[in-house]
Amino acid sequence: MWRKFISDILFDLSILLILLVVLIIGKGAYDLITSGHLYFWRYATSLIYEMLGAAVFFSLIELIDFVWKRHKKN
């Protein structure tokens, strides 16, 4: 059971990595189109906030899924 839980978490981390790459490309393109400049400080802080939000979201989903499966098993 723990092995499946850890594999689910690793899968979610891979999704977070893909989201990070997409957000980096998207934010850079948006900044270049709207202002013609890359604002690295705003760029870094917005990516940190977005990734923290995604990590919290996926963690809550995994926690709810883990509790639900454990509840059904008992």
C-alpha atoms as a PDB file:
ATOM      1  CA  MET A   1       0.000   0.000   0.000  1.00  0.00           C
ATOM      2  CA  TRP A   2       2.819   2.411   0.833  1.00  0.00           C
ATOM      3  CA  ARG A   3       4.604   1.552  -2.405  1.00  0.00           C
ATOM      4  CA  LYS A   4       1.522   2.551  -4.415  1.00  0.00           C
ATOM      5  CA  PHE A   5       1.155   5.734  -2.380  1.00  0.00           C
ATOM      6  CA  ILE A   6       4.786   6.686  -3.024  1.00  0.00           C
ATOM      7  CA  SER A   7       4.447   5.909  -6.735  1.00  0.00           C
ATOM      8  CA  ASP A   8       1.360   8.147  -6.878  1.00  0.00           C
ATOM      9  CA  ILE A   9       3.306  10.952  -5.232  1.00  0.00           C
ATOM     10  CA  LEU A  10       6.196  10.519  -7.671  1.00  0.00           C
ATOM     11  CA  PHE A  11       3.724  10.622 -10.554  1.00  0.00           C
ATOM     12  CA  ASP A  12       2.279  13.870  -9.203  1.00  0.00           C
ATOM     13  CA  LEU A  13       5.775  15.301  -8.860  1.00  0.00           C
ATOM     14  CA  SER A  14       6.417  14.518 -12.509  1.00  0.00           C
ATOM     15  CA  ILE A  15       3.208  16.367 -13.392  1.00  0.00           C
ATOM     16  CA  LEU A  16       4.432  19.313 -11.307  1.00  0.00           C
ATOM     17  CA  LEU A  17       7.708  19.295 -13.232  1.00  0.00           C
ATOM     18  CA  ILE A  18       5.828  19.374 -16.531  1.00  0.00           C
ATOM     19  CA  LEU A  19       3.673  22.228 -15.204  1.00  0.00           C
ATOM     20  CA  LEU A  20       6.817  24.104 -14.212  1.00  0.00           C
ATOM     21  CA  VAL A  21       8.223  23.862 -17.729  1.00  0.00           C
ATOM     22  CA  VAL A  22       4.914  24.962 -19.263  1.00  0.00           C
ATOM     23  CA  LEU A  23       4.621  27.872 -16.831  1.00  0.00           C
ATOM     24  CA  ILE A  24       8.181  29.020 -17.529  1.00  0.00           C
ATOM     25  CA  ILE A  25       7.567  29.043 -21.261  1.00  0.00           C
ATOM     26  CA  GLY A  26       4.118  30.640 -20.908  1.00  0.00           C
ATOM     27  CA  LYS A  27       5.199  33.364 -18.481  1.00  0.00           C
ATOM     28  CA  GLY A  28       8.233  34.228 -20.582  1.00  0.00           C
ATOM     29  CA  ALA A  29       6.144  34.475 -23.741  1.00  0.00           C
ATOM     30  CA  TYR A  30       3.508  36.591 -21.971  1.00  0.00           C
ATOM     31  CA  ASP A  31       6.109  39.030 -20.628  1.00  0.00           C
ATOM     32  CA  LEU A  32       7.796  39.355 -24.005  1.00  0.00           C
ATOM     33  CA  ILE A  33       4.517  39.939 -25.840  1.00  0.00           C
ATOM     34  CA  THR A  34       3.039  42.438 -23.379  1.00  0.00           C
ATOM     35  CA  SER A  35       6.099  44.479 -22.409  1.00  0.00           C
ATOM     36  CA  GLY A  36       9.009  43.332 -24.523  1.00  0.00           C
ATOM     37  CA  HIS A  37      11.070  42.542 -21.419  1.00  0.00           C
ATOM     38  CA  LEU A  38      11.585  39.622 -19.093  1.00  0.00           C
ATOM     39  CA  TYR A  39      11.102  40.670 -15.484  1.00  0.00           C
ATOM     40  CA  PHE A  40      13.155  38.025 -13.726  1.00  0.00           C
ATOM     41  CA  TRP A  41      12.172  38.899 -10.150  1.00  0.00           C
ATOM     42  CA  ARG A  42       8.431  38.895 -10.885  1.00  0.00           C
ATOM     43  CA  TYR A  43       9.015  35.874 -13.084  1.00  0.00           C
ATOM     44  CA  ALA A  44      10.656  33.902 -10.275  1.00  0.00           C
ATOM     45  CA  THR A  45       8.159  34.908  -7.586  1.00  0.00           C
ATOM     46  CA  SER A  46       5.126  34.134  -9.711  1.00  0.00           C
ATOM     47  CA  LEU A  47       6.546  30.711 -10.583  1.00  0.00           C
ATOM     48  CA  ILE A  48       7.210  30.002  -6.913  1.00  0.00           C
ATOM     49  CA  TYR A  49       3.643  30.947  -5.978  1.00  0.00           C
ATOM     50  CA  GLU A  50       2.170  28.925  -8.831  1.00  0.00           C
ATOM     51  CA  MET A  51       4.221  25.841  -8.001  1.00  0.00           C
ATOM     52  CA  LEU A  52       3.410  26.093  -4.297  1.00  0.00           C
ATOM     53  CA  GLY A  53      -0.268  26.294  -5.157  1.00  0.00           C
ATOM     54  CA  ALA A  54      -0.021  23.290  -7.466  1.00  0.00           C
ATOM     55  CA  ALA A  55       1.943  21.313  -4.858  1.00  0.00           C
ATOM     56  CA  VAL A  56      -0.638  22.059  -2.162  1.00  0.00           C
ATOM     57  CA  PHE A  57      -3.453  21.123  -4.538  1.00  0.00           C
ATOM     58  CA  PHE A  58      -1.898  17.788  -5.519  1.00  0.00           C
ATOM     59  CA  SER A  59      -0.976  17.051  -1.897  1.00  0.00           C
ATOM     60  CA  LEU A  60      -4.561  17.575  -0.798  1.00  0.00           C
ATOM     61  CA  ILE A  61      -5.833  15.346  -3.590  1.00  0.00           C
ATOM     62  CA  GLU A  62      -3.379  12.593  -2.630  1.00  0.00           C
ATOM     63  CA  LEU A  63      -4.232  12.931   1.059  1.00  0.00           C
ATOM     64  CA  ILE A  64      -7.962  12.699   0.381  1.00  0.00           C
ATOM     65  CA  ASP A  65      -7.426   9.718  -1.927  1.00  0.00           C
ATOM     66  CA  PHE A  66      -5.237   7.964   0.656  1.00  0.00           C
ATOM     67  CA  VAL A  67      -7.755   8.541   3.474  1.00  0.00           C
ATOM     68  CA  TRP A  68     -10.661   7.421   1.278  1.00  0.00           C
ATOM     69  CA  LYS A  69      -8.940   4.198   0.245  1.00  0.00           C
ATOM     70  CA  ARG A  70      -7.942   3.462   3.821  1.00  0.00           C
ATOM     71  CA  HIS A  71     -11.502   4.143   5.009  1.00  0.00           C
ATOM     72  CA  LYS A  72     -12.960   1.802   2.364  1.00  0.00           C
ATOM     73  CA  LYS A  73     -10.438  -0.888   3.265  1.00  0.00           C
ATOM     74  CA  ASN A  74     -11.426  -0.812   6.941  1.00  0.00           C
END
